C-alpha atoms as a PDB file:
ATOM      1  CA  MET A   1     -81.557 -53.099 -87.448  1.00  0.00           C
ATOM      2  CA  ALA A   2     -82.655 -54.193 -91.143  1.00  0.00           C
ATOM      3  CA  ALA A   3     -86.395 -54.859 -91.336  1.00  0.00           C
ATOM      4  CA  TYR A   4     -88.594 -56.072 -94.132  1.00  0.00           C
ATOM      5  CA  ASN A   5     -92.155 -56.852 -93.200  1.00  0.00           C
ATOM      6  CA  ARG A   6     -91.295 -57.169 -89.510  1.00  0.00           C
ATOM      7  CA  ALA A   7     -93.855 -55.342 -87.892  1.00  0.00           C
ATOM      8  CA  HIS A   8     -94.814 -58.342 -85.757  1.00  0.00           C
ATOM      9  CA  THR A   9     -91.288 -58.553 -84.274  1.00  0.00           C
ATOM     10  CA  LEU A  10     -89.745 -55.346 -84.344  1.00  0.00           C
ATOM     11  CA  PRO A  11     -91.454 -54.371 -80.816  1.00  0.00           C
ATOM     12  CA  ARG A  12     -89.555 -57.083 -79.037  1.00  0.00           C
ATOM     13  CA  ALA A  13     -86.400 -55.944 -80.619  1.00  0.00           C
ATOM     14  CA  LEU A  14     -86.645 -52.319 -80.050  1.00  0.00           C
ATOM     15  CA  ASP A  15     -88.164 -52.916 -76.391  1.00  0.00           C
ATOM     16  CA  SER A  16     -84.978 -54.987 -75.579  1.00  0.00           C
ATOM     17  CA  VAL A  17     -82.783 -51.891 -76.438  1.00  0.00           C
ATOM     18  CA  LEU A  18     -85.151 -49.533 -74.443  1.00  0.00           C
ATOM     19  CA  ALA A  19     -84.468 -51.590 -71.465  1.00  0.00           C
ATOM     20  CA  GLN A  20     -80.957 -51.792 -71.338  1.00  0.00           C
ATOM     21  CA  ASP A  21     -79.258 -50.209 -68.236  1.00  0.00           C
ATOM     22  CA  TRP A  22     -76.750 -48.622 -70.195  1.00  0.00           C
ATOM     23  CA  GLN A  23     -78.560 -45.749 -72.178  1.00  0.00           C
ATOM     24  CA  ASP A  24     -75.980 -43.992 -74.122  1.00  0.00           C
ATOM     25  CA  TRP A  25     -77.342 -45.512 -77.767  1.00  0.00           C
ATOM     26  CA  GLU A  26     -78.883 -45.160 -80.865  1.00  0.00           C
ATOM     27  CA  VAL A  27     -81.158 -47.547 -83.129  1.00  0.00           C
ATOM     28  CA  ILE A  28     -80.973 -47.124 -86.834  1.00  0.00           C
ATOM     29  CA  VAL A  29     -83.964 -49.186 -88.247  1.00  0.00           C
ATOM     30  CA  VAL A  30     -83.485 -49.502 -92.127  1.00  0.00           C
ATOM     31  CA  ASP A  31     -87.070 -50.282 -93.455  1.00  0.00           C
ATOM     32  CA  ASP A  32     -86.282 -52.222 -96.388  1.00  0.00           C
ATOM     33  CA  GLY A  33     -89.378 -51.418 -98.475  1.00  0.00           C
ATOM     34  CA  SER A  34     -91.616 -53.086 -96.221  1.00  0.00           C
ATOM     35  CA  ARG A  35     -95.573 -53.486 -97.251  1.00  0.00           C
ATOM     36  CA  ASP A  36     -96.561 -54.018 -93.689  1.00  0.00           C
ATOM     37  CA  ALA A  37     -96.796 -51.854 -90.905  1.00  0.00           C
ATOM     38  CA  THR A  38     -93.280 -51.648 -90.086  1.00  0.00           C
ATOM     39  CA  GLN A  39     -93.025 -47.848 -90.423  1.00  0.00           C
ATOM     40  CA  SER A  40     -95.929 -47.259 -88.380  1.00  0.00           C
ATOM     41  CA  VAL A  41     -94.629 -49.552 -85.502  1.00  0.00           C
ATOM     42  CA  VAL A  42     -91.439 -47.499 -85.372  1.00  0.00           C
ATOM     43  CA  ALA A  43     -92.985 -44.209 -85.457  1.00  0.00           C
ATOM     44  CA  ARG A  44     -95.009 -44.889 -82.327  1.00  0.00           C
ATOM     45  CA  TYR A  45     -91.431 -44.740 -80.410  1.00  0.00           C
ATOM     46  CA  ALA A  46     -91.274 -41.357 -79.273  1.00  0.00           C
ATOM     47  CA  ASP A  47     -87.565 -41.720 -78.649  1.00  0.00           C
ATOM     48  CA  PRO A  48     -85.196 -39.471 -80.740  1.00  0.00           C
ATOM     49  CA  ARG A  49     -82.471 -42.148 -80.333  1.00  0.00           C
ATOM     50  CA  ILE A  50     -84.392 -44.322 -82.553  1.00  0.00           C
ATOM     51  CA  LYS A  51     -84.267 -43.420 -86.131  1.00  0.00           C
ATOM     52  CA  MET A  52     -85.565 -44.911 -89.052  1.00  0.00           C
ATOM     53  CA  VAL A  53     -84.239 -44.776 -92.808  1.00  0.00           C
ATOM     54  CA  THR A  54     -86.568 -45.839 -95.440  1.00  0.00           C
ATOM     55  CA  HIS A  55     -85.690 -48.130 -98.779  1.00  0.00           C
ATOM     56  CA  GLU A  56     -88.595 -47.043-101.106  1.00  0.00           C
ATOM     57  CA  VAL A  57     -88.009 -50.640-102.706  1.00  0.00           C
ATOM     58  CA  ASN A  58     -86.607 -53.882-101.131  1.00  0.00           C
ATOM     59  CA  ARG A  59     -83.081 -53.942-101.865  1.00  0.00           C
ATOM     60  CA  GLY A  60     -82.076 -57.111 -99.336  1.00  0.00           C
ATOM     61  CA  VAL A  61     -80.560 -57.539 -95.974  1.00  0.00           C
ATOM     62  CA  THR A  62     -77.063 -56.495 -96.949  1.00  0.00           C
ATOM     63  CA  ALA A  63     -77.936 -53.374 -98.727  1.00  0.00           C
ATOM     64  CA  ALA A  64     -80.124 -52.500 -95.365  1.00  0.00           C
ATOM     65  CA  LYS A  65     -77.128 -53.020 -93.376  1.00  0.00           C
ATOM     66  CA  ASN A  66     -74.987 -50.856 -95.566  1.00  0.00           C
ATOM     67  CA  THR A  67     -77.310 -48.215 -95.211  1.00  0.00           C
ATOM     68  CA  GLY A  68     -77.220 -48.711 -91.534  1.00  0.00           C
ATOM     69  CA  PHE A  69     -73.691 -48.241 -91.440  1.00  0.00           C
ATOM     70  CA  ASP A  70     -73.737 -45.183 -93.373  1.00  0.00           C
ATOM     71  CA  HIS A  71     -76.215 -43.403 -90.875  1.00  0.00           C
ATOM     72  CA  CYS A  72     -74.605 -44.713 -87.637  1.00  0.00           C
ATOM     73  CA  ASN A  73     -73.047 -41.885 -85.521  1.00  0.00           C
ATOM     74  CA  GLY A  74     -71.491 -43.944 -82.425  1.00  0.00           C
ATOM     75  CA  GLU A  75     -68.299 -44.886 -81.699  1.00  0.00           C
ATOM     76  CA  TRP A  76     -69.285 -48.683 -81.486  1.00  0.00           C
ATOM     77  CA  ILE A  77     -71.565 -50.474 -83.845  1.00  0.00           C
ATOM     78  CA  ALA A  78     -73.673 -53.584 -83.841  1.00  0.00           C
ATOM     79  CA  THR A  79     -76.151 -55.199 -86.073  1.00  0.00           C
ATOM     80  CA  LEU A  80     -79.309 -56.363 -84.341  1.00  0.00           C
ATOM     81  CA  ASP A  81     -81.768 -58.386 -86.459  1.00  0.00           C
ATOM     82  CA  SER A  82     -85.206 -57.389 -86.307  1.00  0.00           C
ATOM     83  CA  ASP A  83     -86.558 -60.410 -84.883  1.00  0.00           C
ATOM     84  CA  ASP A  84     -84.066 -60.930 -82.096  1.00  0.00           C
ATOM     85  CA  ALA A  85     -83.406 -59.307 -78.658  1.00  0.00           C
ATOM     86  CA  LEU A  86     -80.822 -58.190 -76.588  1.00  0.00           C
ATOM     87  CA  ALA A  87     -80.471 -59.728 -72.972  1.00  0.00           C
ATOM     88  CA  PRO A  88     -80.649 -57.327 -70.271  1.00  0.00           C
ATOM     89  CA  GLY A  89     -77.534 -55.522 -69.370  1.00  0.00           C
ATOM     90  CA  ALA A  90     -75.915 -56.701 -72.790  1.00  0.00           C
ATOM     91  CA  LEU A  91     -74.484 -53.213 -73.520  1.00  0.00           C
ATOM     92  CA  SER A  92     -73.466 -52.245 -70.098  1.00  0.00           C
ATOM     93  CA  THR A  93     -71.505 -55.919 -69.819  1.00  0.00           C
ATOM     94  CA  PHE A  94     -69.804 -55.005 -73.085  1.00  0.00           C
ATOM     95  CA  MET A  95     -68.763 -51.458 -71.817  1.00  0.00           C
ATOM     96  CA  ARG A  96     -67.234 -53.087 -68.581  1.00  0.00           C
ATOM     97  CA  VAL A  97     -65.169 -54.892 -70.894  1.00  0.00           C
ATOM     98  CA  LEU A  98     -63.576 -52.031 -72.247  1.00  0.00           C
ATOM     99  CA  SER A  99     -63.373 -50.385 -68.924  1.00  0.00           C
ATOM    100  CA  GLU A 100     -61.990 -52.971 -66.688  1.00  0.00           C
ATOM    101  CA  VAL A 101     -60.122 -55.625 -69.342  1.00  0.00           C
ATOM    102  CA  ASP A 102     -58.846 -53.831 -72.139  1.00  0.00           C
ATOM    103  CA  PRO A 103     -59.792 -50.186 -73.328  1.00  0.00           C
ATOM    104  CA  THR A 104     -57.808 -50.896 -76.453  1.00  0.00           C
ATOM    105  CA  LEU A 105     -60.189 -53.255 -78.031  1.00  0.00           C
ATOM    106  CA  ASP A 106     -61.442 -52.982 -81.628  1.00  0.00           C
ATOM    107  CA  ALA A 107     -64.057 -55.751 -81.056  1.00  0.00           C
ATOM    108  CA  ILE A 108     -65.936 -57.905 -78.604  1.00  0.00           C
ATOM    109  CA  SER A 109     -67.917 -60.902 -78.991  1.00  0.00           C
ATOM    110  CA  CYS A 110     -70.312 -63.145 -77.180  1.00  0.00           C
ATOM    111  CA  ASN A 111     -72.616 -66.247 -77.343  1.00  0.00           C
ATOM    112  CA  CYS A 112     -76.217 -65.968 -77.963  1.00  0.00           C
ATOM    113  CA  VAL A 113     -79.103 -67.884 -76.549  1.00  0.00           C
ATOM    114  CA  ASP A 114     -81.517 -69.912 -78.735  1.00  0.00           C
ATOM    115  CA  SER A 115     -85.072 -69.135 -77.848  1.00  0.00           C
ATOM    116  CA  ARG A 116     -86.260 -72.453 -78.562  1.00  0.00           C
ATOM    117  CA  THR A 117     -83.792 -74.497 -76.296  1.00  0.00           C
ATOM    118  CA  GLY A 118     -82.333 -72.012 -74.038  1.00  0.00           C
ATOM    119  CA  ARG A 119     -78.694 -73.027 -74.607  1.00  0.00           C
ATOM    120  CA  PHE A 120     -75.924 -71.153 -76.186  1.00  0.00           C
ATOM    121  CA  SER A 121     -76.227 -71.153 -80.157  1.00  0.00           C
ATOM    122  CA  GLY A 122     -72.289 -70.828 -80.616  1.00  0.00           C
ATOM    123  CA  GLU A 123     -69.863 -73.755 -79.792  1.00  0.00           C
ATOM    124  CA  GLY A 124     -66.364 -73.994 -79.484  1.00  0.00           C
ATOM    125  CA  TRP A 125     -65.232 -71.655 -76.613  1.00  0.00           C
ATOM    126  CA  SER A 126     -66.078 -72.074 -73.050  1.00  0.00           C
ATOM    127  CA  GLY A 127     -64.638 -68.901 -71.363  1.00  0.00           C
ATOM    128  CA  ASP A 128     -63.413 -65.350 -71.735  1.00  0.00           C
ATOM    129  CA  GLN A 129     -60.410 -64.879 -73.709  1.00  0.00           C
ATOM    130  CA  TYR A 130     -58.658 -63.053 -76.507  1.00  0.00           C
ATOM    131  CA  ILE A 131     -59.539 -64.390 -79.931  1.00  0.00           C
ATOM    132  CA  ASP A 132     -58.454 -63.669 -83.735  1.00  0.00           C
ATOM    133  CA  VAL A 133     -60.004 -64.514 -87.079  1.00  0.00           C
ATOM    134  CA  ALA A 134     -57.797 -67.769 -87.449  1.00  0.00           C
ATOM    135  CA  ARG A 135     -59.281 -69.443 -84.056  1.00  0.00           C
ATOM    136  CA  SER A 136     -62.796 -68.177 -84.904  1.00  0.00           C
ATOM    137  CA  LEU A 137     -63.015 -69.771 -88.252  1.00  0.00           C
ATOM    138  CA  SER A 138     -61.239 -72.886 -87.118  1.00  0.00           C
ATOM    139  CA  GLU A 139     -62.660 -73.405 -83.646  1.00  0.00           C
ATOM    140  CA  THR A 140     -66.127 -72.110 -83.728  1.00  0.00           C
ATOM    141  CA  ARG A 141     -69.508 -72.891 -85.330  1.00  0.00           C
ATOM    142  CA  GLY A 142     -72.983 -71.753 -84.650  1.00  0.00           C
ATOM    143  CA  GLU A 143     -74.266 -68.219 -83.895  1.00  0.00           C
ATOM    144  CA  PHE A 144     -72.585 -65.475 -81.953  1.00  0.00           C
ATOM    145  CA  TRP A 145     -72.780 -61.764 -81.690  1.00  0.00           C
ATOM    146  CA  GLY A 146     -70.963 -58.659 -80.971  1.00  0.00           C
ATOM    147  CA  MET A 147     -69.901 -55.273 -81.396  1.00  0.00           C
ATOM    148  CA  PHE A 148     -66.925 -53.480 -83.220  1.00  0.00           C
ATOM    149  CA  HIS A 149     -65.406 -50.102 -83.161  1.00  0.00           C
ATOM    150  CA  ARG A 150     -66.160 -48.069 -86.303  1.00  0.00           C
ATOM    151  CA  ARG A 151     -62.300 -47.687 -87.163  1.00  0.00           C
ATOM    152  CA  ILE A 152     -62.257 -51.301 -88.026  1.00  0.00           C
ATOM    153  CA  LEU A 153     -65.282 -50.855 -90.198  1.00  0.00           C
ATOM    154  CA  GLY A 154     -64.242 -47.907 -92.126  1.00  0.00           C
ATOM    155  CA  ALA A 155     -65.117 -47.920 -95.758  1.00  0.00           C
ATOM    156  CA  HIS A 156     -65.729 -51.397 -95.748  1.00  0.00           C
ATOM    157  CA  ARG A 157     -69.331 -52.806 -96.457  1.00  0.00           C
ATOM    158  CA  PHE A 158     -71.309 -55.878 -97.492  1.00  0.00           C
ATOM    159  CA  ASP A 159     -70.871 -56.717-101.009  1.00  0.00           C
ATOM    160  CA  GLU A 160     -74.467 -56.393-102.131  1.00  0.00           C
ATOM    161  CA  ARG A 161     -73.965 -58.667-105.244  1.00  0.00           C
ATOM    162  CA  ILE A 162     -73.476 -61.739-102.814  1.00  0.00           C
ATOM    163  CA  ALA A 163     -76.341 -63.168-101.075  1.00  0.00           C
ATOM    164  CA  GLY A 164     -75.990 -63.886 -97.993  1.00  0.00           C
ATOM    165  CA  ARG A 165     -72.287 -64.743 -96.682  1.00  0.00           C
ATOM    166  CA  GLU A 166     -72.168 -61.955 -94.339  1.00  0.00           C
ATOM    167  CA  ALA A 167     -68.920 -63.688 -92.850  1.00  0.00           C
ATOM    168  CA  ALA A 168     -67.072 -62.306 -95.605  1.00  0.00           C
ATOM    169  CA  LEU A 169     -67.357 -58.824 -94.428  1.00  0.00           C
ATOM    170  CA  TRP A 170     -67.082 -59.980 -90.789  1.00  0.00           C
ATOM    171  CA  THR A 171     -63.915 -61.712 -91.604  1.00  0.00           C
ATOM    172  CA  ARG A 172     -62.343 -58.876 -93.233  1.00  0.00           C
ATOM    173  CA  ILE A 173     -62.924 -56.333 -90.692  1.00  0.00           C
ATOM    174  CA  HIS A 174     -61.818 -58.625 -87.815  1.00  0.00           C
ATOM    175  CA  ALA A 175     -58.714 -59.717 -89.643  1.00  0.00           C
ATOM    176  CA  GLY A 176     -55.974 -58.182 -87.303  1.00  0.00           C
ATOM    177  CA  ALA A 177     -58.232 -56.485 -84.929  1.00  0.00           C
ATOM    178  CA  ARG A 178     -57.725 -56.684 -81.300  1.00  0.00           C
ATOM    179  CA  TRP A 179     -60.720 -58.998 -80.256  1.00  0.00           C
ATOM    180  CA  TYR A 180     -61.776 -60.499 -76.911  1.00  0.00           C
ATOM    181  CA  TYR A 181     -64.729 -63.252 -76.538  1.00  0.00           C
ATOM    182  CA  LEU A 182     -67.061 -63.199 -73.369  1.00  0.00           C
ATOM    183  CA  HIS A 183     -68.648 -66.312 -72.665  1.00  0.00           C
ATOM    184  CA  GLN A 184     -72.162 -65.057 -72.128  1.00  0.00           C
ATOM    185  CA  GLY A 185     -75.289 -65.096 -73.848  1.00  0.00           C
ATOM    186  CA  LEU A 186     -76.086 -61.519 -74.568  1.00  0.00           C
ATOM    187  CA  ARG A 187     -78.377 -61.735 -77.603  1.00  0.00           C
ATOM    188  CA  ILE A 188     -81.500 -63.765 -77.479  1.00  0.00           C
ATOM    189  CA  TYR A 189     -81.570 -65.512 -81.001  1.00  0.00           C
ATOM    190  CA  HIS A 190     -85.080 -66.296 -81.993  1.00  0.00           C
ATOM    191  CA  THR A 191     -84.953 -69.322 -84.058  1.00  0.00           C
ATOM    192  CA  GLU A 192     -88.833 -69.698 -84.325  1.00  0.00           C
ATOM    193  CA  GLY A 193     -90.857 -68.757 -87.413  1.00  0.00           C
ATOM    194  CA  ASP A 194     -90.473 -69.438 -91.083  1.00  0.00           C
ATOM    195  CA  ASP A 195     -89.528 -66.117 -92.525  1.00  0.00           C
ATOM    196  CA  ARG A 196     -85.780 -66.213 -91.209  1.00  0.00           C
ATOM    197  CA  ILE A 197     -83.415 -65.936 -94.001  1.00  0.00           C
ATOM    198  CA  THR A 198     -81.104 -68.965 -92.073  1.00  0.00           C
ATOM    199  CA  SER A 199     -84.253 -71.096 -92.510  1.00  0.00           C
ATOM    200  CA  ARG A 200     -84.434 -71.246 -96.286  1.00  0.00           C
ATOM    201  CA  LYS A 201     -82.752 -74.295 -97.987  1.00  0.00           C
ATOM    202  CA  LEU A 202     -80.047 -74.114-100.844  1.00  0.00           C
ATOM    203  CA  SER A 203     -82.303 -76.151-102.912  1.00  0.00           C
ATOM    204  CA  ASN A 204     -84.760 -73.112-103.190  1.00  0.00           C
ATOM    205  CA  PHE A 205     -81.974 -71.153-104.786  1.00  0.00           C
ATOM    206  CA  ARG A 206     -80.929 -73.761-107.401  1.00  0.00           C
ATOM    207  CA  GLY A 207     -80.965 -72.634-110.960  1.00  0.00           C
ATOM    208  CA  ASN A 208     -81.513 -69.027-109.608  1.00  0.00           C
ATOM    209  CA  PRO A 209     -79.880 -66.372-111.900  1.00  0.00           C
ATOM    210  CA  ARG A 210     -79.256 -64.118-108.792  1.00  0.00           C
ATOM    211  CA  GLN A 211     -77.827 -66.898-106.921  1.00  0.00           C
ATOM    212  CA  TYR A 212     -75.497 -67.662-109.779  1.00  0.00           C
ATOM    213  CA  ARG A 213     -74.072 -64.078-110.084  1.00  0.00           C
ATOM    214  CA  SER A 214     -73.832 -64.345-106.212  1.00  0.00           C
ATOM    215  CA  PHE A 215     -71.500 -67.456-106.275  1.00  0.00           C
ATOM    216  CA  VAL A 216     -69.413 -65.952-109.171  1.00  0.00           C
ATOM    217  CA  VAL A 217     -68.813 -62.784-107.336  1.00  0.00           C
ATOM    218  CA  LEU A 218     -68.252 -64.696-104.097  1.00  0.00           C
ATOM    219  CA  THR A 219     -65.729 -67.583-105.828  1.00  0.00           C
ATOM    220  CA  GLU A 220     -63.845 -64.916-107.960  1.00  0.00           C
ATOM    221  CA  GLU A 221     -63.696 -61.660-105.999  1.00  0.00           C
ATOM    222  CA  ALA A 222     -63.908 -62.555-102.217  1.00  0.00           C
ATOM    223  CA  THR A 223     -60.509 -64.347-102.532  1.00  0.00           C
ATOM    224  CA  ASP A 224     -59.224 -62.855 -99.218  1.00  0.00           C
ATOM    225  CA  TYR A 225     -62.023 -64.402 -97.402  1.00  0.00           C
ATOM    226  CA  LEU A 226     -61.907 -67.697 -99.168  1.00  0.00           C
ATOM    227  CA  ASP A 227     -58.217 -68.062 -98.687  1.00  0.00           C
ATOM    228  CA  LEU A 228     -58.702 -67.485 -94.917  1.00  0.00           C
ATOM    229  CA  LEU A 229     -61.417 -70.454 -95.014  1.00  0.00           C
ATOM    230  CA  ARG A 230     -59.171 -72.416 -96.990  1.00  0.00           C
ATOM    231  CA  ARG A 231     -56.551 -72.438 -94.534  1.00  0.00           C
ATOM    232  CA  HIS A 232     -58.188 -72.213 -91.149  1.00  0.00           C
ATOM    233  CA  SER A 233     -61.543 -74.159 -91.851  1.00  0.00           C
ATOM    234  CA  PRO A 234     -61.136 -76.385 -94.860  1.00  0.00           C
ATOM    235  CA  GLY A 235     -64.548 -78.157 -94.293  1.00  0.00           C
ATOM    236  CA  GLN A 236     -66.446 -74.876 -94.486  1.00  0.00           C
ATOM    237  CA  TYR A 237     -64.292 -73.796 -97.575  1.00  0.00           C
ATOM    238  CA  GLY A 238     -65.301 -77.122 -98.870  1.00  0.00           C
ATOM    239  CA  ASP A 239     -68.982 -76.422 -98.117  1.00  0.00           C
ATOM    240  CA  VAL A 240     -68.989 -73.010 -99.842  1.00  0.00           C
ATOM    241  CA  MET A 241     -67.601 -74.515-102.938  1.00  0.00           C
ATOM    242  CA  SER A 242     -69.871 -77.427-103.190  1.00  0.00           C
ATOM    243  CA  ALA A 243     -72.673 -75.100-102.842  1.00  0.00           C
ATOM    244  CA  ALA A 244     -71.175 -72.861-105.597  1.00  0.00           C
ATOM    245  CA  ALA A 245     -70.842 -76.049-107.656  1.00  0.00           C
ATOM    246  CA  ALA A 246     -74.170 -76.984-107.389  1.00  0.00           C
ATOM    247  CA  GLN A 247     -75.598 -73.519-108.467  1.00  0.00           C
ATOM    248  CA  PHE A 248     -73.092 -73.627-111.143  1.00  0.00           C
ATOM    249  CA  LEU A 249     -74.319 -77.225-112.260  1.00  0.00           C
ATOM    250  CA  ALA A 250     -77.939 -75.997-112.104  1.00  0.00           C
ATOM    251  CA  SER A 251     -77.233 -72.944-114.288  1.00  0.00           C
ATOM    252  CA  GLY A 252     -75.381 -74.934-117.104  1.00  0.00           C
ATOM    253  CA  ASP A 253     -71.766 -73.611-116.375  1.00  0.00           C
ATOM    254  CA  TRP A 254     -69.686 -76.616-116.679  1.00  0.00           C
ATOM    255  CA  ARG A 255     -66.404 -74.844-116.444  1.00  0.00           C
ATOM    256  CA  ARG A 256     -67.240 -72.847-113.263  1.00  0.00           C
ATOM    257  CA  THR A 257     -68.738 -76.484-112.001  1.00  0.00           C
ATOM    258  CA  ALA A 258     -65.696 -78.210-112.467  1.00  0.00           C
ATOM    259  CA  ARG A 259     -63.360 -75.687-110.918  1.00  0.00           C
ATOM    260  CA  ALA A 260     -65.603 -75.336-107.711  1.00  0.00           C
ATOM    261  CA  LEU A 261     -65.712 -78.912-107.455  1.00  0.00           C
ATOM    262  CA  ALA A 262     -61.917 -79.621-107.393  1.00  0.00           C
ATOM    263  CA  LYS A 263     -61.913 -76.897-104.672  1.00  0.00           C
ATOM    264  CA  SER A 264     -64.495 -78.555-102.750  1.00  0.00           C
ATOM    265  CA  VAL A 265     -62.937 -81.738-102.883  1.00  0.00           C
ATOM    266  CA  GLU A 266     -59.154 -80.050-101.857  1.00  0.00           C
ATOM    267  CA  GLY A 267     -61.091 -78.298 -98.834  1.00  0.00           C
ATOM    268  CA  TYR A 268     -62.755 -81.857 -97.621  1.00  0.00           C
ATOM    269  CA  GLY A 269     -59.337 -83.390 -98.100  1.00  0.00           C
ATOM    270  CA  ARG A 270     -57.593 -80.838 -96.142  1.00  0.00           C
ATOM    271  CA  ALA A 271     -60.379 -81.070 -93.372  1.00  0.00           C
ATOM    272  CA  ALA A 272     -59.973 -85.004 -93.458  1.00  0.00           C
ATOM    273  CA  LEU A 273     -56.120 -84.858 -92.830  1.00  0.00           C
ATOM    274  CA  ARG A 274     -56.685 -82.531 -89.936  1.00  0.00           C
ATOM    275  CA  ARG A 275     -58.929 -84.954 -88.222  1.00  0.00           C
ATOM    276  CA  ALA A 276     -56.716 -87.861 -88.952  1.00  0.00           C
END
């Protein structure tokens, strides 16, 4: 759990793990330079399975998750946002998949339940099934969740120079993985509140030097991720390149603007041909 000023939501997240009927777990809370009572909230949990690592200054959510990966001791790993919660029986349900469906799996995913609507937050699949990266990119949208074996994470980490776009890592480590989807909502996705990263609009970032550098790295170095998007989800590829073009334009980088615009048009064109 990456946590930044989340003293008000951490108890909900931690209590949901403590309430699991599968008890062989550890939680690594990474306090990312919080200025509230996050550390004291975690300290109240006198359970040796709950551990805290602290960043002295705020480094961002991907840096905090990387620190969490570095401190994990378990065979299977998941990230849980510090304002979300596990559904009852989530961990034991995953473990049953390994024992009853396929013990050779590298990753297991599931749907999430939107806290405001009570409906699934992920769309595209309607039953338990084996999946792969190509199908995930082309057939789904929305919020899903899951866990993965540490062997597919290996030395891979989030590129902390890229703001957001966590899918670049998830796509990279799941490419080629033996992967199974459960059509159950095993994570409660809390969409209320105005401090969620996903609630912030692109317009807040335009002309921002950090965002400009982030899009430079994304478009020029994360080529494996972008190639997979272009092939399997050209509409998403067009969205990414369009957002990059807007940032480059606001920053006065005409060369990168033109190149990103051309690629966004290509992506939207390929998406239109698929729909035709």
